[in-house]
Amino acid sequence: MKPLIVVDAANVIGSRPDGWWRDRAAAARRLVANLADSRLPDEGEIVVVVEGKAREGVAEGRLDGVRVEHAPGSGDDRVVAVVEDAVRASPGRPITVVTSDRGLRERVNALGAQAVGARWLWERLGQTKPPTSPTGP
């Protein structure tokens, strides 16, 4: 059974001061492209949950081993729903949720998922040094 990795896109993107706030759609596109180009899709099923303006950057569906889910409202609620669906479909399946949001971490841990911070993902993508924006927020 392949592990499931669920990415809270807003939280992961927001963890790096690289100017994402100027174009949330482009930031979401970059994250999904980086995931698709990585080895992570070989290691497990990747689901990226996008919300708000970021939804305009990537179509819902599959792209090179990455599934994109659009959150119609709260991204956190959609992440929890993805985890609940996975637990129901495959009890015991390893599930990792990538978020630094404390409340979301508590919600998914209660469902049996492991929560890790954004740094965990950036390290796996080979981007350990956070970029900085020359103009600031």
N, C-alpha and C. Protein backbone atom coordinates (compact mmCIF):
# COMPACT_ATOMS: atom_id res chain seq x y z
N MET A 1 0.85 -1.17 0.00
CA MET A 1 0.00 0.00 0.00
C MET A 1 0.91 1.24 0.00
N LYS A 2 0.75 2.05 -1.04
CA LYS A 2 1.57 3.27 -1.16
C LYS A 2 1.13 4.30 -0.13
N PRO A 3 2.09 4.94 0.52
CA PRO A 3 1.73 6.01 1.45
C PRO A 3 1.04 7.17 0.73
N LEU A 4 0.30 7.94 1.50
CA LEU A 4 -0.36 9.13 0.99
C LEU A 4 0.30 10.35 1.63
N ILE A 5 0.63 11.33 0.80
CA ILE A 5 1.19 12.59 1.29
C ILE A 5 0.22 13.69 0.85
N VAL A 6 -0.35 14.38 1.84
CA VAL A 6 -1.32 15.45 1.57
C VAL A 6 -0.63 16.77 1.91
N VAL A 7 -0.61 17.69 0.93
CA VAL A 7 0.10 18.95 1.08
C VAL A 7 -0.90 20.10 1.22
N ASP A 8 -0.78 20.82 2.32
CA ASP A 8 -1.54 22.04 2.55
C ASP A 8 -0.79 23.15 1.80
N ALA A 9 -1.18 23.37 0.55
CA ALA A 9 -0.41 24.26 -0.33
C ALA A 9 -0.26 25.66 0.24
N ALA A 10 -1.32 26.23 0.77
CA ALA A 10 -1.24 27.60 1.29
C ALA A 10 -0.20 27.70 2.40
N ASN A 11 -0.16 26.72 3.27
CA ASN A 11 0.77 26.75 4.38
C ASN A 11 2.21 26.55 3.92
N VAL A 12 2.40 25.60 3.01
CA VAL A 12 3.74 25.32 2.50
C VAL A 12 4.27 26.51 1.70
N ILE A 13 3.45 27.04 0.80
CA ILE A 13 3.86 28.19 0.00
C ILE A 13 4.16 29.39 0.90
N GLY A 14 3.32 29.61 1.89
CA GLY A 14 3.48 30.74 2.80
C GLY A 14 4.67 30.64 3.72
N SER A 15 5.31 29.49 3.77
CA SER A 15 6.45 29.31 4.66
C SER A 15 7.75 29.89 4.10
N ARG A 16 7.72 30.34 2.86
CA ARG A 16 8.93 30.86 2.21
C ARG A 16 8.69 32.27 1.70
N PRO A 17 9.47 33.22 2.15
CA PRO A 17 9.28 34.62 1.72
C PRO A 17 9.87 34.89 0.33
N ASP A 18 9.25 34.30 -0.69
CA ASP A 18 9.80 34.42 -2.04
C ASP A 18 8.93 35.29 -2.97
N GLY A 19 8.01 36.05 -2.38
CA GLY A 19 7.15 36.91 -3.18
C GLY A 19 5.84 36.25 -3.60
N TRP A 20 5.52 35.11 -3.02
CA TRP A 20 4.31 34.36 -3.38
C TRP A 20 3.06 35.21 -3.29
N TRP A 21 3.03 36.17 -2.39
CA TRP A 21 1.85 36.99 -2.14
C TRP A 21 1.49 37.87 -3.34
N ARG A 22 2.44 38.09 -4.23
CA ARG A 22 2.17 38.89 -5.42
C ARG A 22 1.40 38.11 -6.47
N ASP A 23 1.56 36.78 -6.48
CA ASP A 23 0.89 35.95 -7.48
C ASP A 23 0.69 34.55 -6.91
N ARG A 24 -0.40 34.38 -6.17
CA ARG A 24 -0.67 33.11 -5.50
C ARG A 24 -0.87 31.97 -6.49
N ALA A 25 -1.48 32.27 -7.64
CA ALA A 25 -1.71 31.24 -8.66
C ALA A 25 -0.37 30.70 -9.18
N ALA A 26 0.56 31.59 -9.47
CA ALA A 26 1.88 31.17 -9.96
C ALA A 26 2.63 30.38 -8.89
N ALA A 27 2.49 30.79 -7.64
CA ALA A 27 3.15 30.07 -6.55
C ALA A 27 2.61 28.64 -6.44
N ALA A 28 1.30 28.47 -6.61
CA ALA A 28 0.71 27.13 -6.58
C ALA A 28 1.20 26.30 -7.76
N ARG A 29 1.28 26.91 -8.92
CA ARG A 29 1.78 26.23 -10.12
C ARG A 29 3.22 25.74 -9.90
N ARG A 30 4.06 26.60 -9.33
CA ARG A 30 5.46 26.23 -9.06
C ARG A 30 5.54 25.05 -8.09
N LEU A 31 4.73 25.10 -7.03
CA LEU A 31 4.76 24.02 -6.04
C LEU A 31 4.37 22.69 -6.68
N VAL A 32 3.28 22.69 -7.43
CA VAL A 32 2.83 21.44 -8.07
C VAL A 32 3.87 20.95 -9.08
N ALA A 33 4.46 21.85 -9.85
CA ALA A 33 5.50 21.46 -10.81
C ALA A 33 6.72 20.88 -10.09
N ASN A 34 7.13 21.50 -8.98
CA ASN A 34 8.26 20.98 -8.21
C ASN A 34 7.96 19.59 -7.67
N LEU A 35 6.74 19.38 -7.20
CA LEU A 35 6.36 18.06 -6.70
C LEU A 35 6.36 17.03 -7.83
N ALA A 36 5.81 17.40 -8.97
CA ALA A 36 5.74 16.48 -10.11
C ALA A 36 7.14 16.11 -10.61
N ASP A 37 8.07 17.05 -10.54
CA ASP A 37 9.44 16.81 -11.00
C ASP A 37 10.31 16.09 -9.97
N SER A 38 9.78 15.89 -8.78
CA SER A 38 10.55 15.27 -7.71
C SER A 38 10.37 13.74 -7.73
N ARG A 39 11.02 13.09 -6.79
CA ARG A 39 10.87 11.64 -6.64
C ARG A 39 9.69 11.26 -5.76
N LEU A 40 9.06 12.24 -5.14
CA LEU A 40 7.96 11.95 -4.21
C LEU A 40 6.82 11.16 -4.84
N PRO A 41 6.41 11.44 -6.10
CA PRO A 41 5.34 10.62 -6.67
C PRO A 41 5.70 9.13 -6.79
N ASP A 42 7.00 8.81 -6.83
CA ASP A 42 7.42 7.41 -6.85
C ASP A 42 7.30 6.77 -5.47
N GLU A 43 7.34 7.60 -4.44
CA GLU A 43 7.31 7.11 -3.06
C GLU A 43 5.90 6.96 -2.50
N GLY A 44 4.94 7.66 -3.09
CA GLY A 44 3.59 7.60 -2.59
C GLY A 44 2.65 8.45 -3.42
N GLU A 45 1.39 8.41 -3.06
CA GLU A 45 0.40 9.25 -3.74
C GLU A 45 0.48 10.65 -3.15
N ILE A 46 0.55 11.65 -4.01
CA ILE A 46 0.67 13.04 -3.57
C ILE A 46 -0.65 13.75 -3.88
N VAL A 47 -1.22 14.41 -2.88
CA VAL A 47 -2.42 15.23 -3.06
C VAL A 47 -2.09 16.62 -2.55
N VAL A 48 -2.30 17.62 -3.41
CA VAL A 48 -2.06 19.02 -3.05
C VAL A 48 -3.40 19.71 -2.96
N VAL A 49 -3.69 20.30 -1.82
CA VAL A 49 -4.95 21.02 -1.62
C VAL A 49 -4.68 22.51 -1.77
N VAL A 50 -5.36 23.13 -2.75
CA VAL A 50 -5.21 24.57 -2.98
C VAL A 50 -6.53 25.27 -2.70
N GLU A 51 -6.42 26.51 -2.27
CA GLU A 51 -7.61 27.29 -1.92
C GLU A 51 -7.47 28.71 -2.44
N GLY A 52 -8.57 29.43 -2.44
CA GLY A 52 -8.56 30.84 -2.80
C GLY A 52 -8.00 31.10 -4.19
N LYS A 53 -7.26 32.20 -4.32
CA LYS A 53 -6.68 32.61 -5.60
C LYS A 53 -5.72 31.57 -6.17
N ALA A 54 -5.12 30.78 -5.33
CA ALA A 54 -4.17 29.76 -5.80
C ALA A 54 -4.84 28.74 -6.72
N ARG A 55 -6.15 28.55 -6.56
CA ARG A 55 -6.87 27.60 -7.42
C ARG A 55 -6.77 27.97 -8.89
N GLU A 56 -6.60 29.26 -9.17
CA GLU A 56 -6.50 29.70 -10.56
C GLU A 56 -5.21 29.24 -11.22
N GLY A 57 -4.23 28.84 -10.44
CA GLY A 57 -2.92 28.46 -10.97
C GLY A 57 -2.79 27.03 -11.44
N VAL A 58 -3.62 26.16 -10.90
CA VAL A 58 -3.54 24.74 -11.26
C VAL A 58 -4.93 24.14 -11.35
N ALA A 59 -5.15 23.39 -12.41
CA ALA A 59 -6.44 22.74 -12.60
C ALA A 59 -6.59 21.59 -11.61
N GLU A 60 -7.80 21.34 -11.22
CA GLU A 60 -8.08 20.20 -10.36
C GLU A 60 -7.90 18.94 -11.18
N GLY A 61 -7.34 17.92 -10.57
CA GLY A 61 -7.12 16.65 -11.27
C GLY A 61 -5.69 16.18 -11.10
N ARG A 62 -5.24 15.30 -11.99
CA ARG A 62 -3.90 14.72 -11.90
C ARG A 62 -2.94 15.39 -12.88
N LEU A 63 -1.72 15.58 -12.42
CA LEU A 63 -0.67 16.14 -13.26
C LEU A 63 0.64 15.46 -12.89
N ASP A 64 1.13 14.59 -13.77
CA ASP A 64 2.43 13.94 -13.56
C ASP A 64 2.59 13.33 -12.17
N GLY A 65 1.61 12.56 -11.73
CA GLY A 65 1.71 11.87 -10.45
C GLY A 65 1.28 12.67 -9.25
N VAL A 66 0.78 13.89 -9.47
CA VAL A 66 0.31 14.73 -8.38
C VAL A 66 -1.17 15.01 -8.61
N ARG A 67 -1.97 14.77 -7.57
CA ARG A 67 -3.41 15.08 -7.66
C ARG A 67 -3.66 16.42 -6.98
N VAL A 68 -4.34 17.30 -7.69
CA VAL A 68 -4.67 18.62 -7.15
C VAL A 68 -6.14 18.64 -6.77
N GLU A 69 -6.41 19.06 -5.55
CA GLU A 69 -7.78 19.20 -5.04
C GLU A 69 -8.04 20.67 -4.77
N HIS A 70 -9.12 21.21 -5.32
CA HIS A 70 -9.51 22.59 -5.04
C HIS A 70 -10.42 22.60 -3.81
N ALA A 71 -10.09 23.42 -2.85
CA ALA A 71 -10.94 23.58 -1.67
C ALA A 71 -11.96 24.66 -1.98
N PRO A 72 -13.25 24.31 -1.95
CA PRO A 72 -14.26 25.32 -2.23
C PRO A 72 -14.36 26.38 -1.13
N GLY A 73 -13.92 26.02 0.05
CA GLY A 73 -13.94 26.94 1.20
C GLY A 73 -12.60 26.85 1.90
N SER A 74 -12.61 26.36 3.12
CA SER A 74 -11.41 26.23 3.92
C SER A 74 -10.50 25.12 3.39
N GLY A 75 -9.24 25.48 3.16
CA GLY A 75 -8.27 24.48 2.75
C GLY A 75 -8.07 23.43 3.83
N ASP A 76 -8.08 23.86 5.10
CA ASP A 76 -7.92 22.92 6.20
C ASP A 76 -9.03 21.86 6.19
N ASP A 77 -10.26 22.31 5.97
CA ASP A 77 -11.38 21.36 5.94
C ASP A 77 -11.23 20.36 4.80
N ARG A 78 -10.72 20.82 3.66
CA ARG A 78 -10.53 19.92 2.52
C ARG A 78 -9.41 18.93 2.81
N VAL A 79 -8.34 19.37 3.46
CA VAL A 79 -7.25 18.45 3.84
C VAL A 79 -7.80 17.36 4.75
N VAL A 80 -8.58 17.76 5.74
CA VAL A 80 -9.17 16.78 6.66
C VAL A 80 -10.08 15.81 5.91
N ALA A 81 -10.86 16.30 4.97
CA ALA A 81 -11.74 15.42 4.19
C ALA A 81 -10.94 14.41 3.37
N VAL A 82 -9.83 14.85 2.78
CA VAL A 82 -8.97 13.93 2.01
C VAL A 82 -8.43 12.84 2.93
N VAL A 83 -8.00 13.22 4.13
CA VAL A 83 -7.48 12.24 5.09
C VAL A 83 -8.59 11.29 5.52
N GLU A 84 -9.76 11.82 5.84
CA GLU A 84 -10.89 10.96 6.24
C GLU A 84 -11.23 9.96 5.15
N ASP A 85 -11.29 10.41 3.91
CA ASP A 85 -11.59 9.51 2.78
C ASP A 85 -10.54 8.41 2.67
N ALA A 86 -9.27 8.78 2.83
CA ALA A 86 -8.19 7.79 2.72
C ALA A 86 -8.24 6.78 3.86
N VAL A 87 -8.54 7.24 5.07
CA VAL A 87 -8.63 6.33 6.21
C VAL A 87 -9.79 5.35 6.02
N ARG A 88 -10.91 5.86 5.52
CA ARG A 88 -12.07 4.99 5.26
C ARG A 88 -11.76 3.96 4.17
N ALA A 89 -11.09 4.40 3.11
CA ALA A 89 -10.81 3.51 1.97
C ALA A 89 -9.73 2.49 2.28
N SER A 90 -8.73 2.87 3.06
CA SER A 90 -7.59 1.97 3.34
C SER A 90 -7.12 2.14 4.77
N PRO A 91 -7.84 1.55 5.73
CA PRO A 91 -7.41 1.66 7.13
C PRO A 91 -5.97 1.15 7.27
N GLY A 92 -5.18 1.87 8.03
CA GLY A 92 -3.79 1.48 8.24
C GLY A 92 -2.81 2.03 7.22
N ARG A 93 -3.33 2.67 6.18
CA ARG A 93 -2.44 3.25 5.17
C ARG A 93 -1.63 4.39 5.80
N PRO A 94 -0.33 4.43 5.57
CA PRO A 94 0.46 5.55 6.10
C PRO A 94 0.05 6.86 5.40
N ILE A 95 -0.27 7.86 6.21
CA ILE A 95 -0.68 9.17 5.69
C ILE A 95 0.15 10.24 6.37
N THR A 96 0.77 11.08 5.55
CA THR A 96 1.54 12.22 6.04
C THR A 96 0.88 13.48 5.53
N VAL A 97 0.64 14.42 6.42
CA VAL A 97 0.08 15.72 6.05
C VAL A 97 1.17 16.76 6.27
N VAL A 98 1.43 17.54 5.21
CA VAL A 98 2.46 18.57 5.28
C VAL A 98 1.80 19.91 5.57
N THR A 99 1.98 20.39 6.79
CA THR A 99 1.45 21.68 7.22
C THR A 99 2.16 22.08 8.50
N SER A 100 2.27 23.36 8.70
CA SER A 100 2.81 23.86 9.97
C SER A 100 1.69 24.46 10.82
N ASP A 101 0.47 24.34 10.36
CA ASP A 101 -0.71 24.87 11.05
C ASP A 101 -1.04 23.95 12.23
N ARG A 102 -0.88 24.48 13.43
CA ARG A 102 -1.06 23.67 14.64
C ARG A 102 -2.45 23.05 14.74
N GLY A 103 -3.48 23.83 14.45
CA GLY A 103 -4.84 23.31 14.53
C GLY A 103 -5.09 22.19 13.53
N LEU A 104 -4.60 22.35 12.32
CA LEU A 104 -4.76 21.31 11.31
C LEU A 104 -3.96 20.07 11.70
N ARG A 105 -2.79 20.26 12.23
CA ARG A 105 -1.98 19.12 12.68
C ARG A 105 -2.74 18.29 13.72
N GLU A 106 -3.38 18.97 14.66
CA GLU A 106 -4.15 18.26 15.69
C GLU A 106 -5.31 17.49 15.08
N ARG A 107 -6.00 18.11 14.12
CA ARG A 107 -7.15 17.46 13.48
C ARG A 107 -6.74 16.19 12.72
N VAL A 108 -5.65 16.25 11.96
CA VAL A 108 -5.25 15.06 11.18
C VAL A 108 -4.58 14.02 12.05
N ASN A 109 -3.86 14.44 13.10
CA ASN A 109 -3.28 13.47 14.03
C ASN A 109 -4.39 12.65 14.69
N ALA A 110 -5.51 13.29 15.01
CA ALA A 110 -6.64 12.59 15.63
C ALA A 110 -7.22 11.52 14.71
N LEU A 111 -7.00 11.67 13.40
CA LEU A 111 -7.48 10.69 12.43
C LEU A 111 -6.46 9.59 12.17
N GLY A 112 -5.27 9.72 12.77
CA GLY A 112 -4.23 8.71 12.60
C GLY A 112 -3.16 9.08 11.59
N ALA A 113 -3.22 10.28 11.04
CA ALA A 113 -2.19 10.73 10.11
C ALA A 113 -1.01 11.32 10.87
N GLN A 114 0.13 11.31 10.24
CA GLN A 114 1.32 11.96 10.79
C GLN A 114 1.40 13.35 10.16
N ALA A 115 1.62 14.36 10.96
CA ALA A 115 1.77 15.72 10.44
C ALA A 115 3.23 16.12 10.53
N VAL A 116 3.71 16.73 9.44
CA VAL A 116 5.08 17.23 9.39
C VAL A 116 5.03 18.68 8.90
N GLY A 117 6.06 19.44 9.22
CA GLY A 117 6.11 20.84 8.82
C GLY A 117 6.55 21.03 7.38
N ALA A 118 6.41 22.24 6.90
CA ALA A 118 6.76 22.58 5.51
C ALA A 118 8.23 22.28 5.21
N ARG A 119 9.08 22.46 6.19
CA ARG A 119 10.51 22.20 5.99
C ARG A 119 10.76 20.76 5.51
N TRP A 120 9.99 19.82 6.04
CA TRP A 120 10.10 18.41 5.64
C TRP A 120 9.96 18.30 4.13
N LEU A 121 8.97 18.99 3.57
CA LEU A 121 8.74 18.91 2.13
C LEU A 121 9.82 19.65 1.35
N TRP A 122 10.17 20.86 1.78
CA TRP A 122 11.20 21.62 1.07
C TRP A 122 12.51 20.84 1.02
N GLU A 123 12.85 20.13 2.09
CA GLU A 123 14.08 19.33 2.09
C GLU A 123 14.00 18.22 1.06
N ARG A 124 12.86 17.58 0.93
CA ARG A 124 12.70 16.52 -0.05
C ARG A 124 12.71 17.04 -1.48
N LEU A 125 12.37 18.30 -1.64
CA LEU A 125 12.41 18.92 -2.96
C LEU A 125 13.79 19.53 -3.24
N GLY A 126 14.73 19.36 -2.31
CA GLY A 126 16.07 19.89 -2.50
C GLY A 126 16.16 21.39 -2.36
N GLN A 127 15.22 21.97 -1.64
CA GLN A 127 15.18 23.42 -1.46
C GLN A 127 15.27 23.75 0.02
N THR A 128 16.43 23.44 0.59
CA THR A 128 16.58 23.59 2.03
C THR A 128 16.81 25.04 2.46
N LYS A 129 17.36 25.86 1.60
CA LYS A 129 17.58 27.25 1.96
C LYS A 129 16.40 28.07 1.45
N PRO A 130 15.63 28.66 2.34
CA PRO A 130 14.50 29.45 1.86
C PRO A 130 14.95 30.68 1.09
N PRO A 131 14.33 30.92 -0.07
CA PRO A 131 14.67 32.13 -0.80
C PRO A 131 14.14 33.35 -0.06
N THR A 132 14.71 34.47 -0.33
CA THR A 132 14.19 35.70 0.25
C THR A 132 13.76 36.62 -0.87
N SER A 133 12.81 37.42 -0.56
CA SER A 133 12.31 38.39 -1.54
C SER A 133 13.10 39.67 -1.39
N PRO A 134 13.63 40.20 -2.48
CA PRO A 134 14.42 41.42 -2.37
C PRO A 134 13.58 42.64 -1.95
N THR A 135 12.27 42.56 -2.17
CA THR A 135 11.43 43.71 -1.84
C THR A 135 10.69 43.53 -0.54
N GLY A 136 10.68 42.32 0.01
CA GLY A 136 9.96 42.07 1.26
C GLY A 136 8.46 41.97 1.03
N PRO A 137 7.72 41.64 2.09
CA PRO A 137 6.26 41.45 1.96
C PRO A 137 5.51 42.71 1.64
